[in-house]
N, C-alpha and C. Protein backbone atom coordinates (compact mmCIF):
# COMPACT_ATOMS: atom_id res chain seq x y z
N MET A 1 99.37 110.59 111.77
CA MET A 1 99.14 112.01 111.84
C MET A 1 100.48 112.55 111.68
N THR A 2 101.59 112.08 112.12
CA THR A 2 102.88 112.55 112.09
C THR A 2 103.29 113.16 110.82
N ALA A 3 103.18 112.02 109.96
CA ALA A 3 103.59 112.53 108.29
C ALA A 3 102.76 113.77 108.08
N ILE A 4 101.73 113.93 108.68
CA ILE A 4 100.93 115.04 107.89
C ILE A 4 101.33 116.32 108.58
N GLY A 5 101.96 116.19 109.69
CA GLY A 5 102.90 117.18 110.51
C GLY A 5 103.96 117.72 110.21
N VAL A 6 104.79 116.36 109.54
CA VAL A 6 106.05 116.56 108.80
C VAL A 6 105.77 117.32 107.25
N MET A 7 104.83 116.75 106.55
CA MET A 7 104.67 117.45 105.42
C MET A 7 103.92 119.02 105.60
N HIS A 8 103.59 119.16 106.38
CA HIS A 8 103.19 120.62 106.41
C HIS A 8 104.46 121.51 106.65
N GLN A 9 105.05 120.73 107.87
CA GLN A 9 106.43 121.86 108.25
C GLN A 9 107.41 121.98 107.13
N ALA A 10 107.47 120.88 106.35
CA ALA A 10 108.24 120.71 105.02
C ALA A 10 107.47 122.14 103.81
N TYR A 11 106.34 122.24 104.13
CA TYR A 11 105.63 123.04 103.27
C TYR A 11 105.85 124.24 103.35
N CYS A 12 105.69 124.70 104.81
CA CYS A 12 105.89 125.80 105.53
C CYS A 12 107.54 126.19 105.05
N ALA A 13 108.68 125.16 105.30
CA ALA A 13 109.96 125.41 104.83
C ALA A 13 110.29 125.52 103.51
N THR A 14 109.40 125.85 102.64
CA THR A 14 109.50 125.72 100.95
C THR A 14 110.55 124.40 100.82
N VAL A 15 110.27 123.09 101.76
CA VAL A 15 110.82 121.98 101.24
C VAL A 15 110.15 121.07 100.58
N SER A 16 110.47 120.64 99.49
CA SER A 16 109.51 119.87 98.15
C SER A 16 109.53 118.55 98.64
N VAL A 17 108.24 117.67 98.98
CA VAL A 17 107.63 116.67 99.07
C VAL A 17 107.42 116.07 97.77
N PRO A 18 107.80 115.14 97.16
CA PRO A 18 108.87 114.21 97.38
C PRO A 18 110.28 114.09 97.00
N SER A 19 110.36 115.55 96.05
CA SER A 19 111.48 115.27 95.28
C SER A 19 112.78 115.71 96.23
N GLU A 20 112.49 116.59 97.58
CA GLU A 20 113.69 116.93 98.51
C GLU A 20 113.44 115.97 99.65
N LEU A 21 112.25 115.76 100.27
CA LEU A 21 112.29 115.13 101.35
C LEU A 21 111.03 113.90 101.02
N SER A 22 111.53 112.83 101.42
CA SER A 22 110.37 111.51 101.30
C SER A 22 109.71 111.45 102.34
N VAL A 23 108.80 111.29 102.70
CA VAL A 23 107.69 111.09 104.05
C VAL A 23 107.24 109.82 103.96
N ILE A 24 107.27 108.69 104.84
CA ILE A 24 106.72 107.56 104.99
C ILE A 24 105.86 107.49 106.12
N GLY A 25 104.52 107.46 106.22
CA GLY A 25 103.87 107.43 107.75
C GLY A 25 103.44 105.83 107.76
N PHE A 26 102.78 106.02 108.97
CA PHE A 26 102.55 104.59 109.33
C PHE A 26 101.12 104.48 109.60
N ASP A 27 100.63 103.64 109.35
CA ASP A 27 98.92 103.16 109.10
C ASP A 27 98.07 104.40 108.46
N GLN A 28 97.87 104.25 107.20
CA GLN A 28 97.47 105.33 106.10
C GLN A 28 96.16 105.99 106.78
N HIS A 29 96.37 107.14 107.20
CA HIS A 29 95.41 108.02 107.72
C HIS A 29 94.65 108.74 106.37
N PRO A 30 93.35 108.87 106.13
CA PRO A 30 92.81 109.45 105.21
C PRO A 30 92.95 110.49 104.59
N LEU A 31 93.51 111.73 105.54
CA LEU A 31 94.12 113.37 105.48
C LEU A 31 95.14 112.96 104.46
N VAL A 32 95.95 112.16 104.57
CA VAL A 32 97.03 111.95 103.96
C VAL A 32 97.10 112.10 102.28
N ALA A 33 96.10 111.29 101.85
CA ALA A 33 95.71 110.94 100.25
C ALA A 33 95.12 112.39 99.70
N VAL A 34 94.83 113.51 100.57
CA VAL A 34 94.23 114.66 100.10
C VAL A 34 95.05 115.69 99.96
N ARG A 35 96.35 115.49 100.67
CA ARG A 35 97.47 116.39 100.64
C ARG A 35 98.02 116.83 99.18
N SER A 36 98.26 117.81 98.97
CA SER A 36 99.07 118.12 97.59
C SER A 36 100.08 117.36 97.17
N SER A 37 100.92 116.98 98.28
CA SER A 37 102.26 116.12 98.19
C SER A 37 101.91 114.99 98.92
N PRO A 38 101.78 113.67 98.15
CA PRO A 38 101.54 112.48 98.68
C PRO A 38 102.57 111.77 99.59
N ALA A 39 102.24 111.27 100.57
CA ALA A 39 103.35 110.29 101.07
C ALA A 39 103.18 108.96 100.97
N ASN A 40 104.18 108.07 100.94
CA ASN A 40 104.02 106.73 101.25
C ASN A 40 103.55 106.50 102.83
N HIS A 41 103.07 104.99 102.94
CA HIS A 41 102.76 104.49 104.06
C HIS A 41 102.82 102.89 104.24
N ILE A 42 102.82 102.99 105.67
CA ILE A 42 102.98 101.67 106.23
C ILE A 42 101.65 101.00 106.43
N GLU A 43 101.21 100.08 105.49
CA GLU A 43 99.69 99.55 105.46
C GLU A 43 99.81 98.34 106.85
N MET A 44 98.89 98.24 107.55
CA MET A 44 98.88 97.00 108.62
C MET A 44 97.40 96.54 108.90
N SER A 45 96.93 95.75 109.17
CA SER A 45 95.73 95.33 109.45
C SER A 45 95.06 95.42 111.03
N GLN A 46 94.21 96.14 110.81
CA GLN A 46 93.70 96.74 112.33
C GLN A 46 93.24 95.46 113.11
N SER A 47 92.63 94.37 112.59
CA SER A 47 91.96 93.29 113.18
C SER A 47 93.48 92.75 113.19
N GLY A 48 94.33 92.46 112.54
CA GLY A 48 95.71 91.94 113.18
C GLY A 48 96.30 92.24 114.19
N THR A 49 96.32 93.60 114.31
CA THR A 49 96.90 94.50 115.37
C THR A 49 96.28 94.05 116.73
N ARG A 50 94.67 93.98 116.53
CA ARG A 50 93.80 93.73 117.89
C ARG A 50 94.09 92.47 118.31
N ARG A 51 94.17 91.35 117.07
CA ARG A 51 94.35 90.16 117.53
C ARG A 51 95.86 89.82 118.05
N LEU A 52 96.72 90.43 117.60
CA LEU A 52 98.07 90.50 118.43
C LEU A 52 98.30 90.90 119.71
N ALA A 53 97.53 92.19 119.97
CA ALA A 53 97.58 92.58 121.32
C ALA A 53 96.85 91.81 122.37
N PHE A 54 95.68 91.35 122.01
CA PHE A 54 94.79 90.55 122.83
C PHE A 54 95.87 88.95 123.07
N HIS A 55 96.65 88.56 122.21
CA HIS A 55 97.17 87.21 122.44
C HIS A 55 98.78 87.60 123.21
N ALA A 56 99.10 88.76 123.13
CA ALA A 56 100.34 89.24 124.06
C ALA A 56 99.63 89.51 125.47
N LEU A 57 98.42 90.25 125.50
CA LEU A 57 98.14 90.60 126.65
C LEU A 57 97.62 89.28 127.57
N LEU A 58 97.13 88.25 127.09
CA LEU A 58 96.53 86.96 127.28
C LEU A 58 97.78 86.20 127.93
N GLN A 59 98.90 86.12 127.13
CA GLN A 59 100.19 85.50 127.20
C GLN A 59 100.62 85.97 128.50
N ASP A 60 100.60 87.28 128.70
CA ASP A 60 101.31 87.89 129.63
C ASP A 60 100.90 87.76 131.23
N VAL A 61 99.23 87.68 131.15
CA VAL A 61 98.67 87.44 132.02
C VAL A 61 98.48 86.22 132.74
N SER A 62 98.64 85.07 131.79
CA SER A 62 98.71 83.78 132.09
C SER A 62 100.31 83.21 132.32
N ALA A 63 101.09 83.95 132.35
CA ALA A 63 102.69 83.53 132.40
C ALA A 63 102.86 83.18 133.93
N THR A 64 103.29 82.31 134.32
CA THR A 64 103.65 81.71 135.65
C THR A 64 104.97 82.90 136.34
N ARG A 65 105.57 83.48 135.17
CA ARG A 65 106.66 84.05 135.66
C ARG A 65 106.96 85.41 134.68
N GLN A 66 107.26 86.35 134.97
CA GLN A 66 107.67 87.59 134.12
C GLN A 66 108.88 87.47 133.11
N HIS A 67 108.91 87.64 131.88
CA HIS A 67 109.85 87.90 131.08
C HIS A 67 110.68 89.31 131.18
N HIS A 68 111.94 89.15 131.71
CA HIS A 68 112.60 90.45 131.78
C HIS A 68 113.21 90.79 130.49
N THR A 69 113.08 89.83 129.75
CA THR A 69 113.76 90.02 128.43
C THR A 69 113.12 90.85 127.09
N GLY A 70 111.74 90.85 127.32
CA GLY A 70 110.78 90.90 126.66
C GLY A 70 110.50 89.96 125.46
N THR A 71 109.25 90.34 124.93
CA THR A 71 108.82 89.25 123.91
C THR A 71 108.73 90.13 122.71
N GLU A 72 109.35 89.47 121.58
CA GLU A 72 108.88 90.12 120.07
C GLU A 72 107.62 89.44 119.24
N TYR A 73 107.01 90.49 118.82
CA TYR A 73 105.64 89.62 118.26
C TYR A 73 105.86 90.65 116.86
N VAL A 74 105.38 89.78 115.88
CA VAL A 74 105.53 90.25 114.58
C VAL A 74 104.62 90.53 113.82
N LEU A 75 104.08 91.73 113.34
CA LEU A 75 102.82 92.10 112.53
C LEU A 75 103.10 92.43 111.40
N LYS A 76 102.65 91.93 110.28
CA LYS A 76 102.78 91.71 108.88
C LYS A 76 102.29 93.29 108.28
N THR A 77 103.05 93.73 107.41
CA THR A 77 102.85 95.19 106.83
C THR A 77 103.13 95.22 105.57
N ASN A 78 102.86 96.18 104.79
CA ASN A 78 102.96 96.42 103.30
C ASN A 78 103.07 97.98 103.06
N LEU A 79 104.09 98.22 102.26
CA LEU A 79 104.22 99.57 102.02
C LEU A 79 103.22 99.96 100.69
N GLY A 80 102.22 100.84 101.24
CA GLY A 80 101.57 101.27 100.21
C GLY A 80 101.83 103.01 99.90
N SER A 81 101.34 103.50 98.86
CA SER A 81 101.06 104.84 98.47
C SER A 81 99.94 105.56 98.62
N ALA A 82 100.26 106.56 98.91
CA ALA A 82 98.90 107.53 98.97
C ALA A 82 98.33 108.28 97.75
N ILE A 83 98.80 107.76 96.71
CA ILE A 83 98.37 108.42 95.44
C ILE A 83 97.30 107.60 95.18
N PRO A 84 96.15 108.16 95.03
CA PRO A 84 94.89 107.26 94.49
C PRO A 84 95.21 106.40 93.21
N LYS A 85 94.67 105.29 93.07
CA LYS A 85 94.58 104.49 92.16
C LYS A 85 93.55 104.82 91.24
N ARG A 86 93.57 105.04 89.77
CA ARG A 86 92.56 105.47 88.62
C ARG A 86 92.35 104.07 88.02
């Protein structure tokens, strides 16, 4: 939804997307595809995100001591385009 807001503000300021401003959203929202100026987006698997969050929570709950440095998790993503394929 942030990408939609950025694109709206660019339109109001007469900034051309994508020739003057590139916009990349995170997790494709259906409204982005219907905008007059398409934006690229980062695609991610919803089921993969849920699975990763569940395993992170399970690991945190079952840990004998807390990690003060944090834990890094990797979620695979792809760069997609809001331009509909024909």
